Amino acid sequence: MSKVKHYETMFILKPTLTEEETVAQIELVKANIEKNGGEIVSFDNMGTRPLAYEIQRNKRGYYFVIYFKSPANAILELERNYRINENIIRFIFIKYESKKEVAAWTKMSEDAAKKAAK
C-alpha cells in the first residue's frame, strides 16, 4: 500500500443545479474519496462566484474545496470520477509534500473546519 499524502481538491459545480442536487454532488465526491481509501479532514463551501472565463456556457459556478489524506494511487480514480461527472465543470488536485507545505495544509484545513463550524 502506498503512503498516505495530504491533498486539496477544488471543484466547480454548474450553477444551474438545485440546492438538493448540489448537496448530492458534494456527497458523491466525498463518498468517492472515502471509497478510494481517503480520509476527509475538512470541507469549505466557497459559494457561488463568477468564473474568470465562460466554461460550457456558464459564467458562474459553485466553488468547493475538500482537504483530505489519501494514498497517491487513489487520485487517478478520483480524477476519472470527476471527468465523467457532467455537473463538475472544472477541478484541480493539489498535493502537499514538504513539511512546510503540510504545515500550510494543516492551517488551511483547520481554518476551513472553523468556518464550517460557524
PDB file of N, CA and C in Angstrom:
ATOM      1  N   MET A   1       0.838  -1.184   0.000  1.00  0.00           N
ATOM      2  CA  MET A   1       0.000   0.000   0.000  1.00  0.00           C
ATOM      3  C   MET A   1       0.884   1.248   0.000  1.00  0.00           C
ATOM      4  N   SER A   2       0.480   2.226  -0.762  1.00  0.00           N
ATOM      5  CA  SER A   2       1.278   3.443  -0.861  1.00  0.00           C
ATOM      6  C   SER A   2       1.067   4.338   0.362  1.00  0.00           C
ATOM      7  N   LYS A   3       2.030   5.211   0.565  1.00  0.00           N
ATOM      8  CA  LYS A   3       1.990   6.121   1.715  1.00  0.00           C
ATOM      9  C   LYS A   3       0.859   7.137   1.553  1.00  0.00           C
ATOM     10  N   VAL A   4       0.255   7.495   2.671  1.00  0.00           N
ATOM     11  CA  VAL A   4      -0.839   8.473   2.663  1.00  0.00           C
ATOM     12  C   VAL A   4      -0.244   9.873   2.519  1.00  0.00           C
ATOM     13  N   LYS A   5      -0.794  10.652   1.611  1.00  0.00           N
ATOM     14  CA  LYS A   5      -0.335  12.020   1.349  1.00  0.00           C
ATOM     15  C   LYS A   5      -1.459  13.001   1.673  1.00  0.00           C
ATOM     16  N   HIS A   6      -1.094  14.266   1.780  1.00  0.00           N
ATOM     17  CA  HIS A   6      -2.051  15.339   2.040  1.00  0.00           C
ATOM     18  C   HIS A   6      -2.449  15.971   0.707  1.00  0.00           C
ATOM     19  N   TYR A   7      -3.762  16.140   0.509  1.00  0.00           N
ATOM     20  CA  TYR A   7      -4.266  16.708  -0.744  1.00  0.00           C
ATOM     21  C   TYR A   7      -5.333  17.753  -0.468  1.00  0.00           C
ATOM     22  N   GLU A   8      -5.512  18.592  -1.477  1.00  0.00           N
ATOM     23  CA  GLU A   8      -6.607  19.547  -1.515  1.00  0.00           C
ATOM     24  C   GLU A   8      -7.222  19.400  -2.899  1.00  0.00           C
ATOM     25  N   THR A   9      -8.525  19.361  -2.961  1.00  0.00           N
ATOM     26  CA  THR A   9      -9.187  19.367  -4.257  1.00  0.00           C
ATOM     27  C   THR A   9     -10.202  20.502  -4.271  1.00  0.00           C
ATOM     28  N   MET A  10     -10.161  21.246  -5.356  1.00  0.00           N
ATOM     29  CA  MET A  10     -11.171  22.283  -5.568  1.00  0.00           C
ATOM     30  C   MET A  10     -11.940  21.874  -6.815  1.00  0.00           C
ATOM     31  N   PHE A  11     -13.259  21.969  -6.719  1.00  0.00           N
ATOM     32  CA  PHE A  11     -14.072  21.685  -7.898  1.00  0.00           C
ATOM     33  C   PHE A  11     -15.180  22.710  -8.009  1.00  0.00           C
ATOM     34  N   ILE A  12     -15.625  22.918  -9.242  1.00  0.00           N
ATOM     35  CA  ILE A  12     -16.661  23.898  -9.528  1.00  0.00           C
ATOM     36  C   ILE A  12     -17.852  23.166 -10.119  1.00  0.00           C
ATOM     37  N   LEU A  13     -19.006  23.341  -9.489  1.00  0.00           N
ATOM     38  CA  LEU A  13     -20.246  22.727  -9.975  1.00  0.00           C
ATOM     39  C   LEU A  13     -21.025  23.732 -10.812  1.00  0.00           C
ATOM     40  N   LYS A  14     -21.840  23.207 -11.714  1.00  0.00           N
ATOM     41  CA  LYS A  14     -22.688  24.052 -12.556  1.00  0.00           C
ATOM     42  C   LYS A  14     -23.625  24.895 -11.693  1.00  0.00           C
ATOM     43  N   PRO A  15     -23.853  26.143 -12.064  1.00  0.00           N
ATOM     44  CA  PRO A  15     -24.734  26.999 -11.275  1.00  0.00           C
ATOM     45  C   PRO A  15     -26.221  26.681 -11.464  1.00  0.00           C
ATOM     46  N   THR A  16     -26.551  25.840 -12.424  1.00  0.00           N
ATOM     47  CA  THR A  16     -27.950  25.511 -12.702  1.00  0.00           C
ATOM     48  C   THR A  16     -28.502  24.419 -11.788  1.00  0.00           C
ATOM     49  N   LEU A  17     -27.654  23.839 -10.935  1.00  0.00           N
ATOM     50  CA  LEU A  17     -28.095  22.774 -10.036  1.00  0.00           C
ATOM     51  C   LEU A  17     -28.936  23.351  -8.900  1.00  0.00           C
ATOM     52  N   THR A  18     -29.941  22.578  -8.481  1.00  0.00           N
ATOM     53  CA  THR A  18     -30.728  22.989  -7.312  1.00  0.00           C
ATOM     54  C   THR A  18     -29.889  22.732  -6.060  1.00  0.00           C
ATOM     55  N   GLU A  19     -30.364  23.220  -4.928  1.00  0.00           N
ATOM     56  CA  GLU A  19     -29.623  23.024  -3.683  1.00  0.00           C
ATOM     57  C   GLU A  19     -29.495  21.538  -3.350  1.00  0.00           C
ATOM     58  N   GLU A  20     -30.573  20.775  -3.580  1.00  0.00           N
ATOM     59  CA  GLU A  20     -30.537  19.334  -3.304  1.00  0.00           C
ATOM     60  C   GLU A  20     -29.531  18.634  -4.226  1.00  0.00           C
ATOM     61  N   GLU A  21     -29.517  19.011  -5.501  1.00  0.00           N
ATOM     62  CA  GLU A  21     -28.571  18.406  -6.448  1.00  0.00           C
ATOM     63  C   GLU A  21     -27.132  18.760  -6.087  1.00  0.00           C
ATOM     64  N   THR A  22     -26.913  19.982  -5.637  1.00  0.00           N
ATOM     65  CA  THR A  22     -25.571  20.407  -5.228  1.00  0.00           C
ATOM     66  C   THR A  22     -25.097  19.586  -4.035  1.00  0.00           C
ATOM     67  N   VAL A  23     -25.956  19.419  -3.039  1.00  0.00           N
ATOM     68  CA  VAL A  23     -25.609  18.618  -1.857  1.00  0.00           C
ATOM     69  C   VAL A  23     -25.322  17.178  -2.275  1.00  0.00           C
ATOM     70  N   ALA A  24     -26.125  16.638  -3.183  1.00  0.00           N
ATOM     71  CA  ALA A  24     -25.917  15.263  -3.660  1.00  0.00           C
ATOM     72  C   ALA A  24     -24.565  15.126  -4.359  1.00  0.00           C
ATOM     73  N   GLN A  25     -24.179  16.131  -5.151  1.00  0.00           N
ATOM     74  CA  GLN A  25     -22.882  16.083  -5.846  1.00  0.00           C
ATOM     75  C   GLN A  25     -21.727  16.126  -4.845  1.00  0.00           C
ATOM     76  N   ILE A  26     -21.859  16.961  -3.822  1.00  0.00           N
ATOM     77  CA  ILE A  26     -20.813  17.055  -2.799  1.00  0.00           C
ATOM     78  C   ILE A  26     -20.680  15.724  -2.067  1.00  0.00           C
ATOM     79  N   GLU A  27     -21.811  15.131  -1.703  1.00  0.00           N
ATOM     80  CA  GLU A  27     -21.781  13.835  -1.011  1.00  0.00           C
ATOM     81  C   GLU A  27     -21.175  12.749  -1.896  1.00  0.00           C
ATOM     82  N   LEU A  28     -21.445  12.820  -3.207  1.00  0.00           N
ATOM     83  CA  LEU A  28     -20.863  11.860  -4.151  1.00  0.00           C
ATOM     84  C   LEU A  28     -19.343  11.985  -4.183  1.00  0.00           C
ATOM     85  N   VAL A  29     -18.841  13.209  -4.234  1.00  0.00           N
ATOM     86  CA  VAL A  29     -17.393  13.437  -4.241  1.00  0.00           C
ATOM     87  C   VAL A  29     -16.778  12.927  -2.936  1.00  0.00           C
ATOM     88  N   LYS A  30     -17.406  13.264  -1.800  1.00  0.00           N
ATOM     89  CA  LYS A  30     -16.893  12.791  -0.507  1.00  0.00           C
ATOM     90  C   LYS A  30     -16.890  11.265  -0.440  1.00  0.00           C
ATOM     91  N   ALA A  31     -17.963  10.641  -0.927  1.00  0.00           N
ATOM     92  CA  ALA A  31     -18.049   9.172  -0.910  1.00  0.00           C
ATOM     93  C   ALA A  31     -16.958   8.552  -1.781  1.00  0.00           C
ATOM     94  N   ASN A  32     -16.677   9.159  -2.933  1.00  0.00           N
ATOM     95  CA  ASN A  32     -15.616   8.646  -3.809  1.00  0.00           C
ATOM     96  C   ASN A  32     -14.250   8.742  -3.142  1.00  0.00           C
ATOM     97  N   ILE A  33     -14.005   9.833  -2.428  1.00  0.00           N
ATOM     98  CA  ILE A  33     -12.723   9.976  -1.727  1.00  0.00           C
ATOM     99  C   ILE A  33     -12.591   8.881  -0.675  1.00  0.00           C
ATOM    100  N   GLU A  34     -13.637   8.680   0.116  1.00  0.00           N
ATOM    101  CA  GLU A  34     -13.586   7.676   1.180  1.00  0.00           C
ATOM    102  C   GLU A  34     -13.544   6.254   0.621  1.00  0.00           C
ATOM    103  N   LYS A  35     -14.252   6.022  -0.478  1.00  0.00           N
ATOM    104  CA  LYS A  35     -14.266   4.693  -1.100  1.00  0.00           C
ATOM    105  C   LYS A  35     -12.877   4.302  -1.608  1.00  0.00           C
ATOM    106  N   ASN A  36     -12.088   5.301  -2.007  1.00  0.00           N
ATOM    107  CA  ASN A  36     -10.747   5.046  -2.529  1.00  0.00           C
ATOM    108  C   ASN A  36      -9.669   5.149  -1.456  1.00  0.00           C
ATOM    109  N   GLY A  37     -10.058   5.021  -0.199  1.00  0.00           N
ATOM    110  CA  GLY A  37      -9.083   4.970   0.884  1.00  0.00           C
ATOM    111  C   GLY A  37      -8.708   6.316   1.462  1.00  0.00           C
ATOM    112  N   GLY A  38      -9.436   7.368   1.107  1.00  0.00           N
ATOM    113  CA  GLY A  38      -9.120   8.696   1.611  1.00  0.00           C
ATOM    114  C   GLY A  38      -9.842   9.012   2.909  1.00  0.00           C
ATOM    115  N   GLU A  39      -9.312   9.992   3.615  1.00  0.00           N
ATOM    116  CA  GLU A  39      -9.921  10.455   4.856  1.00  0.00           C
ATOM    117  C   GLU A  39     -10.133  11.960   4.735  1.00  0.00           C
ATOM    118  N   ILE A  40     -11.376  12.406   4.764  1.00  0.00           N
ATOM    119  CA  ILE A  40     -11.692  13.821   4.630  1.00  0.00           C
ATOM    120  C   ILE A  40     -11.420  14.510   5.959  1.00  0.00           C
ATOM    121  N   VAL A  41     -10.603  15.562   5.906  1.00  0.00           N
ATOM    122  CA  VAL A  41     -10.246  16.295   7.113  1.00  0.00           C
ATOM    123  C   VAL A  41     -11.169  17.495   7.287  1.00  0.00           C
ATOM    124  N   SER A  42     -11.386  18.253   6.208  1.00  0.00           N
ATOM    125  CA  SER A  42     -12.310  19.385   6.288  1.00  0.00           C
ATOM    126  C   SER A  42     -12.829  19.723   4.898  1.00  0.00           C
ATOM    127  N   PHE A  43     -13.852  20.577   4.887  1.00  0.00           N
ATOM    128  CA  PHE A  43     -14.583  20.910   3.672  1.00  0.00           C
ATOM    129  C   PHE A  43     -14.924  22.390   3.714  1.00  0.00           C
ATOM    130  N   ASP A  44     -14.761  23.085   2.600  1.00  0.00           N
ATOM    131  CA  ASP A  44     -15.051  24.516   2.552  1.00  0.00           C
ATOM    132  C   ASP A  44     -15.976  24.816   1.380  1.00  0.00           C
ATOM    133  N   ASN A  45     -17.159  25.335   1.697  1.00  0.00           N
ATOM    134  CA  ASN A  45     -18.105  25.776   0.683  1.00  0.00           C
ATOM    135  C   ASN A  45     -17.809  27.242   0.426  1.00  0.00           C
ATOM    136  N   MET A  46     -17.249  27.552  -0.732  1.00  0.00           N
ATOM    137  CA  MET A  46     -16.859  28.923  -1.044  1.00  0.00           C
ATOM    138  C   MET A  46     -17.994  29.702  -1.709  1.00  0.00           C
ATOM    139  N   GLY A  47     -19.094  29.020  -1.991  1.00  0.00           N
ATOM    140  CA  GLY A  47     -20.263  29.686  -2.549  1.00  0.00           C
ATOM    141  C   GLY A  47     -20.185  29.904  -4.047  1.00  0.00           C
ATOM    142  N   THR A  48     -21.140  30.672  -4.553  1.00  0.00           N
ATOM    143  CA  THR A  48     -21.200  30.969  -5.977  1.00  0.00           C
ATOM    144  C   THR A  48     -20.279  32.136  -6.280  1.00  0.00           C
ATOM    145  N   ARG A  49     -19.503  31.968  -7.327  1.00  0.00           N
ATOM    146  CA  ARG A  49     -18.573  33.014  -7.740  1.00  0.00           C
ATOM    147  C   ARG A  49     -18.570  33.108  -9.258  1.00  0.00           C
ATOM    148  N   PRO A  50     -18.233  34.289  -9.769  1.00  0.00           N
ATOM    149  CA  PRO A  50     -18.103  34.402 -11.229  1.00  0.00           C
ATOM    150  C   PRO A  50     -16.846  33.672 -11.698  1.00  0.00           C
ATOM    151  N   LEU A  51     -16.919  33.059 -12.852  1.00  0.00           N
ATOM    152  CA  LEU A  51     -15.761  32.383 -13.434  1.00  0.00           C
ATOM    153  C   LEU A  51     -14.882  33.413 -14.130  1.00  0.00           C
ATOM    154  N   ALA A  52     -13.598  33.127 -14.233  1.00  0.00           N
ATOM    155  CA  ALA A  52     -12.678  34.034 -14.917  1.00  0.00           C
ATOM    156  C   ALA A  52     -13.023  34.128 -16.398  1.00  0.00           C
ATOM    157  N   TYR A  53     -13.529  33.025 -16.934  1.00  0.00           N
ATOM    158  CA  TYR A  53     -13.971  32.986 -18.326  1.00  0.00           C
ATOM    159  C   TYR A  53     -15.107  31.985 -18.427  1.00  0.00           C
ATOM    160  N   GLU A  54     -15.884  32.109 -19.462  1.00  0.00           N
ATOM    161  CA  GLU A  54     -17.050  31.247 -19.633  1.00  0.00           C
ATOM    162  C   GLU A  54     -16.613  29.799 -19.885  1.00  0.00           C
ATOM    163  N   ILE A  55     -17.239  28.870 -19.168  1.00  0.00           N
ATOM    164  CA  ILE A  55     -16.953  27.444 -19.327  1.00  0.00           C
ATOM    165  C   ILE A  55     -18.272  26.740 -19.621  1.00  0.00           C
ATOM    166  N   GLN A  56     -18.354  26.073 -20.744  1.00  0.00           N
ATOM    167  CA  GLN A  56     -19.575  25.350 -21.137  1.00  0.00           C
ATOM    168  C   GLN A  56     -20.812  26.241 -20.992  1.00  0.00           C
ATOM    169  N   ARG A  57     -20.701  27.466 -21.453  1.00  0.00           N
ATOM    170  CA  ARG A  57     -21.778  28.465 -21.413  1.00  0.00           C
ATOM    171  C   ARG A  57     -22.179  28.895 -20.001  1.00  0.00           C
ATOM    172  N   ASN A  58     -21.337  28.621 -19.027  1.00  0.00           N
ATOM    173  CA  ASN A  58     -21.586  29.047 -17.646  1.00  0.00           C
ATOM    174  C   ASN A  58     -20.675  30.214 -17.311  1.00  0.00           C
ATOM    175  N   LYS A  59     -21.250  31.248 -16.692  1.00  0.00           N
ATOM    176  CA  LYS A  59     -20.465  32.416 -16.288  1.00  0.00           C
ATOM    177  C   LYS A  59     -20.215  32.431 -14.787  1.00  0.00           C
ATOM    178  N   ARG A  60     -20.913  31.574 -14.055  1.00  0.00           N
ATOM    179  CA  ARG A  60     -20.758  31.456 -12.605  1.00  0.00           C
ATOM    180  C   ARG A  60     -20.640  29.976 -12.253  1.00  0.00           C
ATOM    181  N   GLY A  61     -20.237  29.693 -11.018  1.00  0.00           N
ATOM    182  CA  GLY A  61     -20.162  28.315 -10.565  1.00  0.00           C
ATOM    183  C   GLY A  61     -20.128  28.233  -9.055  1.00  0.00           C
ATOM    184  N   TYR A  62     -20.479  27.071  -8.524  1.00  0.00           N
ATOM    185  CA  TYR A  62     -20.395  26.798  -7.089  1.00  0.00           C
ATOM    186  C   TYR A  62     -18.998  26.239  -6.803  1.00  0.00           C
ATOM    187  N   TYR A  63     -18.242  26.919  -5.970  1.00  0.00           N
ATOM    188  CA  TYR A  63     -16.875  26.514  -5.652  1.00  0.00           C
ATOM    189  C   TYR A  63     -16.851  25.750  -4.331  1.00  0.00           C
ATOM    190  N   PHE A  64     -16.123  24.635  -4.311  1.00  0.00           N
ATOM    191  CA  PHE A  64     -15.966  23.818  -3.109  1.00  0.00           C
ATOM    192  C   PHE A  64     -14.528  23.340  -2.997  1.00  0.00           C
ATOM    193  N   VAL A  65     -14.021  23.273  -1.769  1.00  0.00           N
ATOM    194  CA  VAL A  65     -12.673  22.778  -1.508  1.00  0.00           C
ATOM    195  C   VAL A  65     -12.785  21.682  -0.452  1.00  0.00           C
ATOM    196  N   ILE A  66     -12.083  20.573  -0.694  1.00  0.00           N
ATOM    197  CA  ILE A  66     -12.026  19.489   0.280  1.00  0.00           C
ATOM    198  C   ILE A  66     -10.559  19.213   0.594  1.00  0.00           C
ATOM    199  N   TYR A  67     -10.221  19.205   1.885  1.00  0.00           N
ATOM    200  CA  TYR A  67      -8.881  18.844   2.345  1.00  0.00           C
ATOM    201  C   TYR A  67      -8.948  17.398   2.811  1.00  0.00           C
ATOM    202  N   PHE A  68      -8.065  16.551   2.265  1.00  0.00           N
ATOM    203  CA  PHE A  68      -8.130  15.140   2.625  1.00  0.00           C
ATOM    204  C   PHE A  68      -6.756  14.486   2.577  1.00  0.00           C
ATOM    205  N   LYS A  69      -6.672  13.319   3.218  1.00  0.00           N
ATOM    206  CA  LYS A  69      -5.475  12.476   3.186  1.00  0.00           C
ATOM    207  C   LYS A  69      -5.852  11.239   2.408  1.00  0.00           C
ATOM    208  N   SER A  70      -4.939  10.802   1.537  1.00  0.00           N
ATOM    209  CA  SER A  70      -5.265   9.670   0.681  1.00  0.00           C
ATOM    210  C   SER A  70      -3.993   9.020   0.157  1.00  0.00           C
ATOM    211  N   PRO A  71      -4.072   7.716  -0.179  1.00  0.00           N
ATOM    212  CA  PRO A  71      -2.951   7.096  -0.878  1.00  0.00           C
ATOM    213  C   PRO A  71      -2.810   7.734  -2.261  1.00  0.00           C
ATOM    214  N   ALA A  72      -1.603   7.860  -2.738  1.00  0.00           N
ATOM    215  CA  ALA A  72      -1.345   8.520  -4.019  1.00  0.00           C
ATOM    216  C   ALA A  72      -2.045   7.823  -5.188  1.00  0.00           C
ATOM    217  N   ASN A  73      -2.175   6.493  -5.119  1.00  0.00           N
ATOM    218  CA  ASN A  73      -2.780   5.756  -6.235  1.00  0.00           C
ATOM    219  C   ASN A  73      -4.288   6.003  -6.362  1.00  0.00           C
ATOM    220  N   ALA A  74      -4.922   6.604  -5.365  1.00  0.00           N
ATOM    221  CA  ALA A  74      -6.368   6.858  -5.415  1.00  0.00           C
ATOM    222  C   ALA A  74      -6.704   8.093  -6.258  1.00  0.00           C
ATOM    223  N   ILE A  75      -5.743   8.971  -6.463  1.00  0.00           N
ATOM    224  CA  ILE A  75      -6.009  10.226  -7.166  1.00  0.00           C
ATOM    225  C   ILE A  75      -6.430   9.989  -8.608  1.00  0.00           C
ATOM    226  N   LEU A  76      -5.842   9.030  -9.271  1.00  0.00           N
ATOM    227  CA  LEU A  76      -6.231   8.740 -10.661  1.00  0.00           C
ATOM    228  C   LEU A  76      -7.700   8.340 -10.764  1.00  0.00           C
ATOM    229  N   GLU A  77      -8.162   7.532  -9.828  1.00  0.00           N
ATOM    230  CA  GLU A  77      -9.575   7.120  -9.832  1.00  0.00           C
ATOM    231  C   GLU A  77     -10.479   8.310  -9.511  1.00  0.00           C
ATOM    232  N   LEU A  78     -10.069   9.165  -8.595  1.00  0.00           N
ATOM    233  CA  LEU A  78     -10.865  10.347  -8.271  1.00  0.00           C
ATOM    234  C   LEU A  78     -10.955  11.285  -9.478  1.00  0.00           C
ATOM    235  N   GLU A  79      -9.842  11.475 -10.177  1.00  0.00           N
ATOM    236  CA  GLU A  79      -9.855  12.304 -11.390  1.00  0.00           C
ATOM    237  C   GLU A  79     -10.786  11.716 -12.433  1.00  0.00           C
ATOM    238  N   ARG A  80     -10.766  10.409 -12.591  1.00  0.00           N
ATOM    239  CA  ARG A  80     -11.650   9.750 -13.563  1.00  0.00           C
ATOM    240  C   ARG A  80     -13.109  10.016 -13.206  1.00  0.00           C
ATOM    241  N   ASN A  81     -13.440   9.924 -11.920  1.00  0.00           N
ATOM    242  CA  ASN A  81     -14.814  10.194 -11.479  1.00  0.00           C
ATOM    243  C   ASN A  81     -15.212  11.647 -11.745  1.00  0.00           C
ATOM    244  N   TYR A  82     -14.289  12.566 -11.539  1.00  0.00           N
ATOM    245  CA  TYR A  82     -14.571  13.982 -11.813  1.00  0.00           C
ATOM    246  C   TYR A  82     -14.848  14.182 -13.302  1.00  0.00           C
ATOM    247  N   ARG A  83     -14.021  13.552 -14.148  1.00  0.00           N
ATOM    248  CA  ARG A  83     -14.152  13.756 -15.602  1.00  0.00           C
ATOM    249  C   ARG A  83     -15.478  13.222 -16.152  1.00  0.00           C
ATOM    250  N   ILE A  84     -15.995  12.143 -15.598  1.00  0.00           N
ATOM    251  CA  ILE A  84     -17.249  11.587 -16.127  1.00  0.00           C
ATOM    252  C   ILE A  84     -18.489  12.231 -15.506  1.00  0.00           C
ATOM    253  N   ASN A  85     -18.295  13.075 -14.493  1.00  0.00           N
ATOM    254  CA  ASN A  85     -19.414  13.767 -13.858  1.00  0.00           C
ATOM    255  C   ASN A  85     -19.699  15.054 -14.627  1.00  0.00           C
ATOM    256  N   GLU A  86     -20.815  15.103 -15.322  1.00  0.00           N
ATOM    257  CA  GLU A  86     -21.128  16.256 -16.165  1.00  0.00           C
ATOM    258  C   GLU A  86     -21.478  17.512 -15.369  1.00  0.00           C
ATOM    259  N   ASN A  87     -21.717  17.400 -14.074  1.00  0.00           N
ATOM    260  CA  ASN A  87     -22.043  18.565 -13.253  1.00  0.00           C
ATOM    261  C   ASN A  87     -20.808  19.293 -12.729  1.00  0.00           C
ATOM    262  N   ILE A  88     -19.633  18.667 -12.819  1.00  0.00           N
ATOM    263  CA  ILE A  88     -18.381  19.303 -12.410  1.00  0.00           C
ATOM    264  C   ILE A  88     -17.759  19.921 -13.662  1.00  0.00           C
ATOM    265  N   ILE A  89     -17.648  21.260 -13.663  1.00  0.00           N
ATOM    266  CA  ILE A  89     -17.145  21.913 -14.871  1.00  0.00           C
ATOM    267  C   ILE A  89     -15.636  22.148 -14.834  1.00  0.00           C
ATOM    268  N   ARG A  90     -15.020  22.213 -13.649  1.00  0.00           N
ATOM    269  CA  ARG A  90     -13.573  22.319 -13.501  1.00  0.00           C
ATOM    270  C   ARG A  90     -13.170  21.707 -12.176  1.00  0.00           C
ATOM    271  N   PHE A  91     -11.921  21.201 -12.118  1.00  0.00           N
ATOM    272  CA  PHE A  91     -11.401  20.657 -10.867  1.00  0.00           C
ATOM    273  C   PHE A  91      -9.888  20.719 -10.866  1.00  0.00           C
ATOM    274  N   ILE A  92      -9.326  20.625  -9.684  1.00  0.00           N
ATOM    275  CA  ILE A  92      -7.877  20.560  -9.542  1.00  0.00           C
ATOM    276  C   ILE A  92      -7.559  19.784  -8.265  1.00  0.00           C
ATOM    277  N   PHE A  93      -6.446  19.048  -8.311  1.00  0.00           N
ATOM    278  CA  PHE A  93      -5.915  18.378  -7.128  1.00  0.00           C
ATOM    279  C   PHE A  93      -4.560  18.992  -6.837  1.00  0.00           C
ATOM    280  N   ILE A  94      -4.297  19.285  -5.575  1.00  0.00           N
ATOM    281  CA  ILE A  94      -3.003  19.810  -5.166  1.00  0.00           C
ATOM    282  C   ILE A  94      -2.453  18.879  -4.097  1.00  0.00           C
ATOM    283  N   LYS A  95      -1.199  18.428  -4.310  1.00  0.00           N
ATOM    284  CA  LYS A  95      -0.549  17.532  -3.346  1.00  0.00           C
ATOM    285  C   LYS A  95       0.447  18.337  -2.518  1.00  0.00           C
ATOM    286  N   TYR A  96       0.410  18.133  -1.210  1.00  0.00           N
ATOM    287  CA  TYR A  96       1.323  18.804  -0.291  1.00  0.00           C
ATOM    288  C   TYR A  96       2.328  17.772   0.214  1.00  0.00           C
ATOM    289  N   GLU A  97       3.632  18.028  -0.031  1.00  0.00           N
ATOM    290  CA  GLU A  97       4.637  17.019   0.295  1.00  0.00           C
ATOM    291  C   GLU A  97       5.627  17.442   1.379  1.00  0.00           C
ATOM    292  N   SER A  98       6.260  18.605   1.234  1.00  0.00           N
ATOM    293  CA  SER A  98       7.290  19.004   2.191  1.00  0.00           C
ATOM    294  C   SER A  98       6.655  19.347   3.545  1.00  0.00           C
ATOM    295  N   LYS A  99       7.495  19.410   4.576  1.00  0.00           N
ATOM    296  CA  LYS A  99       6.986  19.735   5.917  1.00  0.00           C
ATOM    297  C   LYS A  99       6.322  21.113   5.929  1.00  0.00           C
ATOM    298  N   LYS A 100       6.904  22.060   5.208  1.00  0.00           N
ATOM    299  CA  LYS A 100       6.356  23.411   5.151  1.00  0.00           C
ATOM    300  C   LYS A 100       4.984  23.399   4.472  1.00  0.00           C
ATOM    301  N   GLU A 101       4.863  22.643   3.375  1.00  0.00           N
ATOM    302  CA  GLU A 101       3.583  22.545   2.657  1.00  0.00           C
ATOM    303  C   GLU A 101       2.523  21.862   3.521  1.00  0.00           C
ATOM    304  N   VAL A 102       2.915  20.791   4.226  1.00  0.00           N
ATOM    305  CA  VAL A 102       1.967  20.067   5.086  1.00  0.00           C
ATOM    306  C   VAL A 102       1.505  20.969   6.230  1.00  0.00           C
ATOM    307  N   ALA A 103       2.411  21.802   6.755  1.00  0.00           N
ATOM    308  CA  ALA A 103       2.028  22.742   7.816  1.00  0.00           C
ATOM    309  C   ALA A 103       1.012  23.753   7.276  1.00  0.00           C
ATOM    310  N   ALA A 104       1.217  24.242   6.055  1.00  0.00           N
ATOM    311  CA  ALA A 104       0.269  25.172   5.439  1.00  0.00           C
ATOM    312  C   ALA A 104      -1.070  24.468   5.195  1.00  0.00           C
ATOM    313  N   TRP A 105      -1.028  23.207   4.746  1.00  0.00           N
ATOM    314  CA  TRP A 105      -2.244  22.416   4.508  1.00  0.00           C
ATOM    315  C   TRP A 105      -3.027  22.266   5.810  1.00  0.00           C
ATOM    316  N   THR A 106      -2.298  21.985   6.903  1.00  0.00           N
ATOM    317  CA  THR A 106      -2.938  21.807   8.208  1.00  0.00           C
ATOM    318  C   THR A 106      -3.644  23.084   8.639  1.00  0.00           C
ATOM    319  N   LYS A 107      -2.985  24.229   8.470  1.00  0.00           N
ATOM    320  CA  LYS A 107      -3.596  25.510   8.843  1.00  0.00           C
ATOM    321  C   LYS A 107      -4.831  25.785   7.991  1.00  0.00           C
ATOM    322  N   MET A 108      -4.737  25.568   6.676  1.00  0.00           N
ATOM    323  CA  MET A 108      -5.885  25.817   5.795  1.00  0.00           C
ATOM    324  C   MET A 108      -7.057  24.897   6.137  1.00  0.00           C
ATOM    325  N   SER A 109      -6.755  23.632   6.426  1.00  0.00           N
ATOM    326  CA  SER A 109      -7.846  22.691   6.739  1.00  0.00           C
ATOM    327  C   SER A 109      -8.490  23.045   8.085  1.00  0.00           C
ATOM    328  N   GLU A 110      -7.687  23.508   9.045  1.00  0.00           N
ATOM    329  CA  GLU A 110      -8.239  23.927  10.338  1.00  0.00           C
ATOM    330  C   GLU A 110      -9.120  25.175  10.157  1.00  0.00           C
ATOM    331  N   ASP A 111      -8.664  26.124   9.324  1.00  0.00           N
ATOM    332  CA  ASP A 111      -9.473  27.313   9.050  1.00  0.00           C
ATOM    333  C   ASP A 111     -10.782  26.956   8.397  1.00  0.00           C
ATOM    334  N   ALA A 112     -10.757  26.009   7.452  1.00  0.00           N
ATOM    335  CA  ALA A 112     -11.976  25.571   6.782  1.00  0.00           C
ATOM    336  C   ALA A 112     -12.919  24.897   7.772  1.00  0.00           C
ATOM    337  N   ALA A 113     -12.364  24.098   8.688  1.00  0.00           N
ATOM    338  CA  ALA A 113     -13.195  23.427   9.688  1.00  0.00           C
ATOM    339  C   ALA A 113     -13.846  24.452  10.625  1.00  0.00           C
ATOM    340  N   LYS A 114     -13.098  25.484  11.009  1.00  0.00           N
ATOM    341  CA  LYS A 114     -13.657  26.542  11.877  1.00  0.00           C
ATOM    342  C   LYS A 114     -14.776  27.281  11.140  1.00  0.00           C
ATOM    343  N   LYS A 115     -14.552  27.564   9.864  1.00  0.00           N
ATOM    344  CA  LYS A 115     -15.564  28.280   9.062  1.00  0.00           C
ATOM    345  C   LYS A 115     -16.833  27.443   8.947  1.00  0.00           C
ATOM    346  N   ALA A 116     -16.677  26.131   8.761  1.00  0.00           N
ATOM    347  CA  ALA A 116     -17.836  25.237   8.631  1.00  0.00           C
ATOM    348  C   ALA A 116     -18.588  25.108   9.949  1.00  0.00           C
ATOM    349  N   ALA A 117     -17.879  25.241  11.063  1.00  0.00           N
ATOM    350  CA  ALA A 117     -18.498  25.094  12.371  1.00  0.00           C
ATOM    351  C   ALA A 117     -19.367  26.287  12.762  1.00  0.00           C
ATOM    352  N   LYS A 118     -19.139  27.424  12.114  1.00  0.00           N
ATOM    353  CA  LYS A 118     -19.914  28.642  12.435  1.00  0.00           C
ATOM    354  C   LYS A 118     -21.349  28.540  12.034  1.00  0.00           C
TER     355      LYS A 118
END
